Amino acid sequence: MPKNPLHIIQRDNNRQSCFFCDDDYLFYLDWLKEYAKIVECTIHAYVLMTNHVHLLLTPQNITSAGNLMKRLGQRYVQYVNRTYKRMVPFGREDFAQVLFNKNIICLYASSILR
């Protein structure tokens, strides 16, 4: 739903680790910022866990969130495969979305960042 906040959870298919060192988190965040601009998503908050990611974002059009997750997942999988010489299934468009009422977005964002 365009212009409505979404909570997106992205994880490895087998719930295995997808971040292995600080550089991995930084790589993911750099591309999150880049792709969010390109596909027109506003990122309100994020939490990067060892084996999954939480994003709170508002897509500006109907394809924004899906395009963001597809691009980001593909880029990150390529990075991990190249860096660690392995195959990591994280990001293969496996993500869940939860629609939020705009009035509670700030409350939710502050609670997940604690």
Protein backbone atom coordinates (compact mmCIF):
# COMPACT_ATOMS: atom_id res chain seq x y z
CA MET A 1 0.00 0.00 0.00
CA PRO A 2 1.64 3.21 -1.11
CA LYS A 3 2.16 5.99 1.42
CA ASN A 4 1.34 3.72 4.37
CA PRO A 5 4.01 2.58 6.84
CA LEU A 6 5.09 -1.06 6.66
CA HIS A 7 7.03 -3.25 9.05
CA ILE A 8 9.08 -5.63 6.90
CA ILE A 9 10.98 -8.63 8.23
CA GLN A 10 13.63 -10.18 6.01
CA ARG A 11 15.46 -13.36 6.96
CA ASP A 12 17.44 -16.31 5.67
CA ASN A 13 15.24 -19.20 4.55
CA ASN A 14 16.70 -21.44 7.26
CA ARG A 15 16.98 -18.74 9.92
CA GLN A 16 20.76 -18.97 9.75
CA SER A 17 23.11 -16.05 10.28
CA CYS A 18 23.24 -13.52 7.50
CA PHE A 19 25.63 -11.01 9.09
CA PHE A 20 29.07 -12.22 10.12
CA CYS A 21 31.02 -9.05 10.98
CA ASP A 22 30.58 -5.28 11.30
CA ASP A 23 31.44 -4.72 7.63
CA ASP A 24 28.44 -6.84 6.62
CA TYR A 25 26.05 -4.60 8.55
CA LEU A 26 27.62 -1.49 7.02
CA PHE A 27 27.41 -2.92 3.50
CA TYR A 28 23.71 -3.72 4.00
CA LEU A 29 22.95 -0.26 5.40
CA ASP A 30 24.80 1.54 2.60
CA TRP A 31 22.77 -0.28 -0.04
CA LEU A 32 19.54 0.11 1.96
CA LYS A 33 20.05 3.88 1.86
CA GLU A 34 20.96 3.87 -1.85
CA TYR A 35 18.09 1.65 -3.00
CA ALA A 36 15.52 3.36 -0.77
CA LYS A 37 16.25 6.60 -2.65
CA ILE A 38 16.03 4.93 -6.06
CA VAL A 39 12.74 3.11 -5.45
CA GLU A 40 11.21 5.88 -3.35
CA CYS A 41 10.88 4.36 0.11
CA THR A 42 11.26 6.40 3.28
CA ILE A 43 13.13 4.43 5.95
CA HIS A 44 11.92 5.34 9.44
CA ALA A 45 13.75 2.73 11.50
CA TYR A 46 15.68 -0.49 11.16
CA VAL A 47 17.06 -3.24 13.36
CA LEU A 48 19.72 -5.57 11.96
CA MET A 49 19.90 -8.82 13.90
CA THR A 50 22.43 -11.59 13.22
CA ASN A 51 19.89 -13.69 11.33
CA HIS A 52 17.21 -11.22 10.20
CA VAL A 53 16.32 -7.59 9.56
CA HIS A 54 13.41 -5.41 10.66
CA LEU A 55 12.59 -2.36 8.55
CA LEU A 56 9.97 0.27 9.20
CA LEU A 57 9.39 2.12 5.96
CA THR A 58 6.84 3.98 3.88
CA PRO A 59 6.74 3.14 0.16
CA GLN A 60 5.76 6.01 -2.12
CA ASN A 61 4.22 3.82 -4.80
CA ILE A 62 2.77 0.33 -5.09
CA THR A 63 6.00 -1.33 -6.25
CA SER A 64 8.46 0.51 -3.98
CA ALA A 65 8.69 -1.96 -1.07
CA GLY A 66 8.93 -5.06 -3.27
CA ASN A 67 11.56 -3.46 -5.50
CA LEU A 68 13.59 -2.36 -2.50
CA MET A 69 13.62 -5.83 -0.97
CA LYS A 70 14.42 -7.51 -4.28
CA ARG A 71 17.34 -5.19 -5.11
CA LEU A 72 18.71 -5.20 -1.58
CA GLY A 73 18.43 -8.96 -1.21
CA GLN A 74 20.12 -9.64 -4.53
CA ARG A 75 22.96 -7.21 -3.81
CA TYR A 76 23.56 -8.54 -0.31
CA VAL A 77 23.52 -12.20 -1.39
CA GLN A 78 26.10 -11.41 -4.09
CA TYR A 79 28.27 -9.66 -1.50
CA VAL A 80 28.09 -12.56 0.99
CA ASN A 81 28.71 -15.19 -1.67
CA ARG A 82 31.73 -13.29 -2.98
CA THR A 83 33.13 -12.32 0.43
CA TYR A 84 32.68 -15.66 2.18
CA LYS A 85 32.83 -18.00 -0.82
CA ARG A 86 29.52 -19.56 0.10
CA MET A 87 25.88 -19.65 -0.90
CA VAL A 88 23.55 -17.78 1.43
CA PRO A 89 19.83 -17.86 0.55
CA PHE A 90 19.06 -14.69 2.57
CA GLY A 91 17.01 -12.12 0.75
CA ARG A 92 15.44 -14.20 -1.98
CA GLU A 93 12.35 -12.02 -1.78
CA ASP A 94 11.42 -13.81 1.46
CA PHE A 95 9.97 -11.06 3.57
CA ALA A 96 6.82 -10.35 5.52
CA GLN A 97 4.97 -7.05 5.59
CA VAL A 98 2.69 -5.61 8.24
CA LEU A 99 0.66 -2.49 7.47
CA PHE A 100 0.64 0.22 10.15
CA ASN A 101 -1.72 3.01 10.99
CA LYS A 102 0.17 6.27 10.35
CA ASN A 103 -0.71 7.53 13.83
CA ILE A 104 1.31 4.85 15.63
CA ILE A 105 4.43 4.86 13.46
CA CYS A 106 6.55 6.99 15.83
CA LEU A 107 5.57 4.98 18.90
CA TYR A 108 6.40 1.70 17.16
CA ALA A 109 9.69 2.97 15.74
CA SER A 110 10.88 4.09 19.13
CA SER A 111 9.91 0.79 20.75
CA ILE A 112 11.82 -1.44 18.29
CA LEU A 113 14.97 0.66 18.59
CA ARG A 114 15.28 0.19 22.35
